[in-house]
Amino acid sequence: MLAPAEKNLRPRPPARRGGKWYLAAYWLCLVLLTHWPNPFPMRGEPQHLDKLVHFTLYCVLAGLAAATFTKAGSPSTAWRLLGVLLLAAAFGLIDEATQPFTQRDFDWWDWLADCLGAATGVLALCAWRRSHQRC
């Protein structure tokens, strides 16, 4: 058994400070933004900008989720990353399906942008971890 002074000398793993709270707050903001009544009535919104917004929002969502729920170098990391991708795709579909209740439109292209953004977010996290030798 270690003496009390020796216990404090053991290295501690880096703490994930508030990752789940950041993810929850971001997710809540995402839901509010995508269900806000359409600011561009009569389909006057810029279509390509809308897809870029969807792509970016889900890129950040999946990146935050992957960073929160995966540990670099863990044997289960690949399965967890796949789970993050599947959950982001499912949430994107649910998000699109519930938008007509708030005078917005369901759009398959928005969902595709969501899925591509989520995949990019996960791949960006993996690339960042690999470049920092933390995978």
N, C-alpha and C. Protein backbone atom coordinates (compact mmCIF):
# COMPACT_ATOMS: atom_id res chain seq x y z
N MET A 1 0.85 -1.18 0.00
CA MET A 1 0.00 0.00 0.00
C MET A 1 0.89 1.24 0.00
N LEU A 2 0.48 2.25 -0.76
CA LEU A 2 1.26 3.47 -0.88
C LEU A 2 0.96 4.41 0.28
N ALA A 3 1.98 5.12 0.68
CA ALA A 3 1.80 6.13 1.72
C ALA A 3 0.98 7.28 1.13
N PRO A 4 0.29 8.07 1.97
CA PRO A 4 -0.54 9.16 1.46
C PRO A 4 0.23 10.14 0.58
N ALA A 5 1.48 10.42 0.87
CA ALA A 5 2.26 11.35 0.06
C ALA A 5 2.56 10.77 -1.32
N GLU A 6 2.72 9.43 -1.41
CA GLU A 6 3.03 8.80 -2.68
C GLU A 6 1.82 8.72 -3.60
N LYS A 7 0.61 8.68 -3.03
CA LYS A 7 -0.60 8.61 -3.84
C LYS A 7 -0.73 9.85 -4.72
N ASN A 8 -0.30 11.00 -4.24
CA ASN A 8 -0.42 12.23 -4.99
C ASN A 8 0.58 12.31 -6.14
N LEU A 9 1.61 11.45 -6.13
CA LEU A 9 2.63 11.50 -7.16
C LEU A 9 2.27 10.69 -8.40
N ARG A 10 1.22 9.87 -8.31
CA ARG A 10 0.82 9.07 -9.47
C ARG A 10 0.28 9.97 -10.56
N PRO A 11 0.66 9.71 -11.81
CA PRO A 11 0.12 10.53 -12.90
C PRO A 11 -1.36 10.26 -13.09
N ARG A 12 -2.10 11.30 -13.36
CA ARG A 12 -3.53 11.17 -13.58
C ARG A 12 -3.82 11.30 -15.07
N PRO A 13 -4.82 10.56 -15.54
CA PRO A 13 -5.18 10.73 -16.95
C PRO A 13 -5.81 12.11 -17.15
N PRO A 14 -5.66 12.66 -18.34
CA PRO A 14 -6.25 13.97 -18.57
C PRO A 14 -7.77 13.92 -18.41
N ALA A 15 -8.31 14.90 -17.74
CA ALA A 15 -9.75 14.94 -17.49
C ALA A 15 -10.48 15.51 -18.70
N ARG A 16 -11.63 14.97 -18.94
CA ARG A 16 -12.50 15.52 -19.99
C ARG A 16 -13.46 16.46 -19.29
N ARG A 17 -13.11 17.70 -19.32
CA ARG A 17 -13.87 18.69 -18.58
C ARG A 17 -15.13 19.10 -19.32
N GLY A 18 -16.25 18.62 -18.86
CA GLY A 18 -17.52 19.08 -19.37
C GLY A 18 -17.88 18.67 -20.77
N GLY A 19 -17.26 17.64 -21.33
CA GLY A 19 -17.55 17.24 -22.70
C GLY A 19 -19.01 16.93 -22.93
N LYS A 20 -19.62 16.21 -22.01
CA LYS A 20 -21.02 15.85 -22.16
C LYS A 20 -21.92 17.08 -22.06
N TRP A 21 -21.53 18.04 -21.23
CA TRP A 21 -22.33 19.26 -21.10
C TRP A 21 -22.24 20.12 -22.35
N TYR A 22 -21.04 20.21 -22.93
CA TYR A 22 -20.88 20.96 -24.18
C TYR A 22 -21.70 20.31 -25.29
N LEU A 23 -21.64 18.98 -25.35
CA LEU A 23 -22.39 18.26 -26.37
C LEU A 23 -23.89 18.46 -26.17
N ALA A 24 -24.37 18.37 -24.95
CA ALA A 24 -25.80 18.55 -24.68
C ALA A 24 -26.24 19.98 -25.03
N ALA A 25 -25.44 20.96 -24.67
CA ALA A 25 -25.79 22.35 -24.98
C ALA A 25 -25.80 22.58 -26.48
N TYR A 26 -24.83 22.04 -27.18
CA TYR A 26 -24.77 22.19 -28.64
C TYR A 26 -25.97 21.51 -29.29
N TRP A 27 -26.29 20.31 -28.84
CA TRP A 27 -27.42 19.56 -29.39
C TRP A 27 -28.72 20.34 -29.18
N LEU A 28 -28.90 20.91 -27.99
CA LEU A 28 -30.11 21.69 -27.72
C LEU A 28 -30.19 22.90 -28.65
N CYS A 29 -29.08 23.59 -28.83
CA CYS A 29 -29.05 24.74 -29.76
C CYS A 29 -29.37 24.28 -31.18
N LEU A 30 -28.85 23.13 -31.57
CA LEU A 30 -29.10 22.59 -32.91
C LEU A 30 -30.59 22.31 -33.10
N VAL A 31 -31.21 21.69 -32.13
CA VAL A 31 -32.65 21.40 -32.22
C VAL A 31 -33.45 22.70 -32.32
N LEU A 32 -33.10 23.67 -31.50
CA LEU A 32 -33.81 24.95 -31.54
C LEU A 32 -33.63 25.66 -32.89
N LEU A 33 -32.41 25.65 -33.41
CA LEU A 33 -32.15 26.30 -34.70
C LEU A 33 -32.89 25.63 -35.85
N THR A 34 -32.89 24.30 -35.87
CA THR A 34 -33.50 23.61 -36.99
C THR A 34 -35.02 23.53 -36.89
N HIS A 35 -35.58 23.89 -35.75
CA HIS A 35 -37.03 23.86 -35.59
C HIS A 35 -37.63 25.26 -35.42
N TRP A 36 -36.80 26.25 -35.56
CA TRP A 36 -37.30 27.62 -35.53
C TRP A 36 -38.13 27.82 -36.80
N PRO A 37 -39.26 28.50 -36.70
CA PRO A 37 -40.04 28.71 -37.93
C PRO A 37 -39.19 29.32 -39.04
N ASN A 38 -39.47 28.90 -40.23
CA ASN A 38 -38.67 29.26 -41.40
C ASN A 38 -38.52 30.77 -41.55
N PRO A 39 -37.28 31.27 -41.48
CA PRO A 39 -37.07 32.71 -41.64
C PRO A 39 -37.16 33.16 -43.10
N PHE A 40 -37.23 32.20 -44.02
CA PHE A 40 -37.32 32.50 -45.45
C PHE A 40 -38.62 31.91 -46.00
N PRO A 41 -39.75 32.59 -45.79
CA PRO A 41 -41.00 32.02 -46.28
C PRO A 41 -41.01 31.95 -47.81
N MET A 42 -41.86 31.10 -48.31
CA MET A 42 -42.05 30.90 -49.76
C MET A 42 -40.79 30.38 -50.44
N ARG A 43 -40.02 29.58 -49.76
CA ARG A 43 -38.82 28.93 -50.31
C ARG A 43 -37.85 29.92 -50.92
N GLY A 44 -37.68 31.07 -50.26
CA GLY A 44 -36.78 32.08 -50.78
C GLY A 44 -35.37 31.97 -50.22
N GLU A 45 -35.10 30.91 -49.43
CA GLU A 45 -33.77 30.79 -48.83
C GLU A 45 -32.74 30.37 -49.86
N PRO A 46 -31.51 30.78 -49.64
CA PRO A 46 -30.44 30.34 -50.54
C PRO A 46 -30.16 28.86 -50.34
N GLN A 47 -30.40 28.03 -51.36
CA GLN A 47 -30.34 26.58 -51.22
C GLN A 47 -28.94 26.05 -50.90
N HIS A 48 -27.93 26.53 -51.58
CA HIS A 48 -26.59 25.98 -51.36
C HIS A 48 -26.05 26.38 -49.99
N LEU A 49 -26.37 27.56 -49.55
CA LEU A 49 -25.95 28.00 -48.22
C LEU A 49 -26.61 27.14 -47.15
N ASP A 50 -27.86 26.77 -47.37
CA ASP A 50 -28.59 25.92 -46.43
C ASP A 50 -27.89 24.57 -46.27
N LYS A 51 -27.43 24.00 -47.36
CA LYS A 51 -26.75 22.70 -47.29
C LYS A 51 -25.41 22.83 -46.57
N LEU A 52 -24.72 23.93 -46.78
CA LEU A 52 -23.45 24.18 -46.09
C LEU A 52 -23.68 24.33 -44.59
N VAL A 53 -24.76 24.98 -44.22
CA VAL A 53 -25.10 25.13 -42.80
C VAL A 53 -25.39 23.77 -42.18
N HIS A 54 -26.18 22.94 -42.85
CA HIS A 54 -26.47 21.60 -42.34
C HIS A 54 -25.17 20.80 -42.20
N PHE A 55 -24.34 20.83 -43.22
CA PHE A 55 -23.07 20.12 -43.20
C PHE A 55 -22.23 20.55 -41.99
N THR A 56 -22.11 21.84 -41.78
CA THR A 56 -21.27 22.37 -40.70
C THR A 56 -21.84 22.03 -39.34
N LEU A 57 -23.15 22.19 -39.17
CA LEU A 57 -23.77 21.90 -37.87
C LEU A 57 -23.56 20.44 -37.47
N TYR A 58 -23.73 19.53 -38.42
CA TYR A 58 -23.58 18.11 -38.09
C TYR A 58 -22.12 17.68 -38.02
N CYS A 59 -21.26 18.39 -38.70
CA CYS A 59 -19.82 18.13 -38.58
C CYS A 59 -19.38 18.41 -37.13
N VAL A 60 -19.80 19.54 -36.61
CA VAL A 60 -19.45 19.89 -35.23
C VAL A 60 -20.12 18.94 -34.25
N LEU A 61 -21.40 18.61 -34.48
CA LEU A 61 -22.12 17.69 -33.58
C LEU A 61 -21.41 16.34 -33.49
N ALA A 62 -21.09 15.75 -34.62
CA ALA A 62 -20.44 14.43 -34.61
C ALA A 62 -19.03 14.51 -34.06
N GLY A 63 -18.31 15.60 -34.35
CA GLY A 63 -16.97 15.76 -33.79
C GLY A 63 -17.00 15.86 -32.28
N LEU A 64 -17.95 16.64 -31.75
CA LEU A 64 -18.09 16.74 -30.29
C LEU A 64 -18.48 15.39 -29.68
N ALA A 65 -19.43 14.70 -30.31
CA ALA A 65 -19.87 13.41 -29.79
C ALA A 65 -18.73 12.39 -29.83
N ALA A 66 -18.00 12.36 -30.92
CA ALA A 66 -16.88 11.41 -31.03
C ALA A 66 -15.80 11.72 -30.01
N ALA A 67 -15.50 12.99 -29.81
CA ALA A 67 -14.49 13.37 -28.82
C ALA A 67 -14.95 13.05 -27.41
N THR A 68 -16.24 13.16 -27.17
CA THR A 68 -16.78 12.92 -25.83
C THR A 68 -16.86 11.43 -25.50
N PHE A 69 -17.25 10.62 -26.48
CA PHE A 69 -17.54 9.21 -26.19
C PHE A 69 -16.48 8.22 -26.65
N THR A 70 -15.38 8.70 -27.21
CA THR A 70 -14.32 7.78 -27.60
C THR A 70 -13.02 8.16 -26.90
N LYS A 71 -12.20 7.16 -26.73
CA LYS A 71 -10.89 7.37 -26.11
C LYS A 71 -9.84 6.92 -27.12
N ALA A 72 -8.89 7.78 -27.38
CA ALA A 72 -7.86 7.46 -28.36
C ALA A 72 -7.13 6.19 -27.98
N GLY A 73 -6.97 5.28 -28.93
CA GLY A 73 -6.23 4.05 -28.72
C GLY A 73 -7.03 2.93 -28.09
N SER A 74 -8.28 3.17 -27.74
CA SER A 74 -9.10 2.14 -27.13
C SER A 74 -9.55 1.13 -28.19
N PRO A 75 -9.63 -0.16 -27.82
CA PRO A 75 -10.06 -1.16 -28.80
C PRO A 75 -11.49 -0.93 -29.29
N SER A 76 -12.32 -0.28 -28.51
CA SER A 76 -13.72 -0.08 -28.89
C SER A 76 -13.94 1.23 -29.64
N THR A 77 -12.87 1.97 -29.93
CA THR A 77 -13.01 3.28 -30.56
C THR A 77 -13.71 3.19 -31.92
N ALA A 78 -13.34 2.24 -32.75
CA ALA A 78 -13.95 2.13 -34.09
C ALA A 78 -15.45 1.89 -33.99
N TRP A 79 -15.85 1.02 -33.07
CA TRP A 79 -17.29 0.74 -32.91
C TRP A 79 -18.02 1.96 -32.38
N ARG A 80 -17.40 2.67 -31.47
CA ARG A 80 -18.03 3.88 -30.93
C ARG A 80 -18.15 4.96 -32.00
N LEU A 81 -17.13 5.09 -32.84
CA LEU A 81 -17.20 6.06 -33.93
C LEU A 81 -18.32 5.70 -34.91
N LEU A 82 -18.46 4.42 -35.20
CA LEU A 82 -19.55 3.98 -36.06
C LEU A 82 -20.90 4.29 -35.41
N GLY A 83 -20.98 4.08 -34.10
CA GLY A 83 -22.20 4.41 -33.36
C GLY A 83 -22.52 5.90 -33.43
N VAL A 84 -21.50 6.73 -33.31
CA VAL A 84 -21.69 8.18 -33.42
C VAL A 84 -22.24 8.53 -34.80
N LEU A 85 -21.67 7.93 -35.84
CA LEU A 85 -22.15 8.19 -37.20
C LEU A 85 -23.61 7.76 -37.38
N LEU A 86 -23.94 6.57 -36.89
CA LEU A 86 -25.31 6.08 -37.03
C LEU A 86 -26.29 6.93 -36.24
N LEU A 87 -25.90 7.33 -35.03
CA LEU A 87 -26.79 8.19 -34.23
C LEU A 87 -26.97 9.56 -34.87
N ALA A 88 -25.91 10.11 -35.41
CA ALA A 88 -26.01 11.42 -36.07
C ALA A 88 -26.92 11.31 -37.30
N ALA A 89 -26.80 10.23 -38.06
CA ALA A 89 -27.66 10.05 -39.23
C ALA A 89 -29.12 9.87 -38.81
N ALA A 90 -29.34 9.08 -37.76
CA ALA A 90 -30.70 8.87 -37.27
C ALA A 90 -31.29 10.18 -36.73
N PHE A 91 -30.49 10.91 -35.98
CA PHE A 91 -30.98 12.19 -35.46
C PHE A 91 -31.26 13.16 -36.59
N GLY A 92 -30.42 13.18 -37.61
CA GLY A 92 -30.65 14.05 -38.76
C GLY A 92 -31.97 13.73 -39.46
N LEU A 93 -32.28 12.43 -39.58
CA LEU A 93 -33.53 12.02 -40.21
C LEU A 93 -34.73 12.42 -39.34
N ILE A 94 -34.62 12.20 -38.04
CA ILE A 94 -35.69 12.62 -37.13
C ILE A 94 -35.85 14.13 -37.15
N ASP A 95 -34.74 14.82 -37.18
CA ASP A 95 -34.74 16.28 -37.22
C ASP A 95 -35.48 16.77 -38.47
N GLU A 96 -35.17 16.18 -39.62
CA GLU A 96 -35.84 16.57 -40.86
C GLU A 96 -37.32 16.20 -40.83
N ALA A 97 -37.64 15.03 -40.28
CA ALA A 97 -39.03 14.56 -40.26
C ALA A 97 -39.92 15.42 -39.35
N THR A 98 -39.35 16.04 -38.32
CA THR A 98 -40.15 16.84 -37.40
C THR A 98 -40.20 18.32 -37.78
N GLN A 99 -39.43 18.73 -38.76
CA GLN A 99 -39.44 20.14 -39.14
C GLN A 99 -40.77 20.61 -39.74
N PRO A 100 -41.53 19.80 -40.45
CA PRO A 100 -42.81 20.30 -40.97
C PRO A 100 -43.77 20.77 -39.88
N PHE A 101 -43.59 20.32 -38.65
CA PHE A 101 -44.45 20.78 -37.56
C PHE A 101 -44.19 22.25 -37.21
N THR A 102 -43.07 22.80 -37.67
CA THR A 102 -42.74 24.20 -37.39
C THR A 102 -42.62 25.02 -38.68
N GLN A 103 -43.45 24.69 -39.65
CA GLN A 103 -43.50 25.39 -40.93
C GLN A 103 -42.17 25.37 -41.69
N ARG A 104 -41.45 24.29 -41.57
CA ARG A 104 -40.23 24.08 -42.35
C ARG A 104 -40.45 22.88 -43.24
N ASP A 105 -39.54 22.63 -44.15
CA ASP A 105 -39.71 21.54 -45.11
C ASP A 105 -38.78 20.38 -44.81
N PHE A 106 -39.30 19.16 -45.05
CA PHE A 106 -38.46 17.97 -45.04
C PHE A 106 -37.68 17.96 -46.35
N ASP A 107 -36.37 17.73 -46.27
CA ASP A 107 -35.54 17.74 -47.48
C ASP A 107 -34.49 16.64 -47.37
N TRP A 108 -34.54 15.69 -48.31
CA TRP A 108 -33.57 14.60 -48.31
C TRP A 108 -32.15 15.12 -48.51
N TRP A 109 -32.00 16.19 -49.27
CA TRP A 109 -30.67 16.75 -49.51
C TRP A 109 -30.09 17.35 -48.23
N ASP A 110 -30.96 17.91 -47.39
CA ASP A 110 -30.50 18.38 -46.07
C ASP A 110 -29.98 17.22 -45.25
N TRP A 111 -30.72 16.10 -45.29
CA TRP A 111 -30.29 14.93 -44.53
C TRP A 111 -28.97 14.38 -45.05
N LEU A 112 -28.81 14.40 -46.37
CA LEU A 112 -27.52 13.96 -46.94
C LEU A 112 -26.39 14.88 -46.47
N ALA A 113 -26.64 16.18 -46.45
CA ALA A 113 -25.63 17.13 -45.95
C ALA A 113 -25.33 16.86 -44.48
N ASP A 114 -26.37 16.51 -43.71
CA ASP A 114 -26.17 16.16 -42.30
C ASP A 114 -25.24 14.95 -42.17
N CYS A 115 -25.51 13.92 -42.95
CA CYS A 115 -24.72 12.68 -42.88
C CYS A 115 -23.27 12.91 -43.33
N LEU A 116 -23.11 13.66 -44.41
CA LEU A 116 -21.75 13.95 -44.89
C LEU A 116 -20.99 14.82 -43.88
N GLY A 117 -21.68 15.75 -43.26
CA GLY A 117 -21.05 16.58 -42.23
C GLY A 117 -20.63 15.74 -41.03
N ALA A 118 -21.50 14.82 -40.61
CA ALA A 118 -21.17 13.95 -39.47
C ALA A 118 -19.94 13.10 -39.78
N ALA A 119 -19.90 12.53 -40.98
CA ALA A 119 -18.75 11.71 -41.36
C ALA A 119 -17.48 12.55 -41.39
N THR A 120 -17.58 13.76 -41.88
CA THR A 120 -16.42 14.65 -41.92
C THR A 120 -15.95 15.01 -40.52
N GLY A 121 -16.89 15.24 -39.61
CA GLY A 121 -16.52 15.56 -38.23
C GLY A 121 -15.77 14.43 -37.55
N VAL A 122 -16.25 13.21 -37.76
CA VAL A 122 -15.58 12.04 -37.17
C VAL A 122 -14.20 11.84 -37.80
N LEU A 123 -14.12 11.96 -39.12
CA LEU A 123 -12.83 11.80 -39.80
C LEU A 123 -11.85 12.90 -39.40
N ALA A 124 -12.34 14.11 -39.20
CA ALA A 124 -11.47 15.21 -38.78
C ALA A 124 -10.92 14.95 -37.38
N LEU A 125 -11.76 14.43 -36.48
CA LEU A 125 -11.27 14.10 -35.14
C LEU A 125 -10.20 13.01 -35.22
N CYS A 126 -10.44 11.98 -36.02
CA CYS A 126 -9.45 10.91 -36.16
C CYS A 126 -8.15 11.44 -36.73
N ALA A 127 -8.24 12.29 -37.73
CA ALA A 127 -7.03 12.87 -38.33
C ALA A 127 -6.28 13.73 -37.33
N TRP A 128 -7.01 14.50 -36.55
CA TRP A 128 -6.37 15.34 -35.54
C TRP A 128 -5.69 14.49 -34.48
N ARG A 129 -6.37 13.44 -34.02
CA ARG A 129 -5.76 12.55 -33.03
C ARG A 129 -4.53 11.86 -33.60
N ARG A 130 -4.62 11.41 -34.84
CA ARG A 130 -3.49 10.72 -35.47
C ARG A 130 -2.30 11.66 -35.63
N SER A 131 -2.56 12.91 -35.97
CA SER A 131 -1.46 13.86 -36.14
C SER A 131 -0.79 14.21 -34.80
N HIS A 132 -1.52 14.00 -33.73
CA HIS A 132 -0.98 14.26 -32.40
C HIS A 132 -0.59 12.96 -31.69
N GLN A 133 -0.48 11.86 -32.46
CA GLN A 133 -0.09 10.55 -31.94
C GLN A 133 -0.95 10.11 -30.75
N ARG A 134 -2.24 10.33 -30.85
CA ARG A 134 -3.12 9.95 -29.75
C ARG A 134 -4.16 8.92 -30.19
N CYS A 135 -3.96 8.25 -31.30
CA CYS A 135 -4.92 7.23 -31.74
C CYS A 135 -4.44 5.86 -31.36
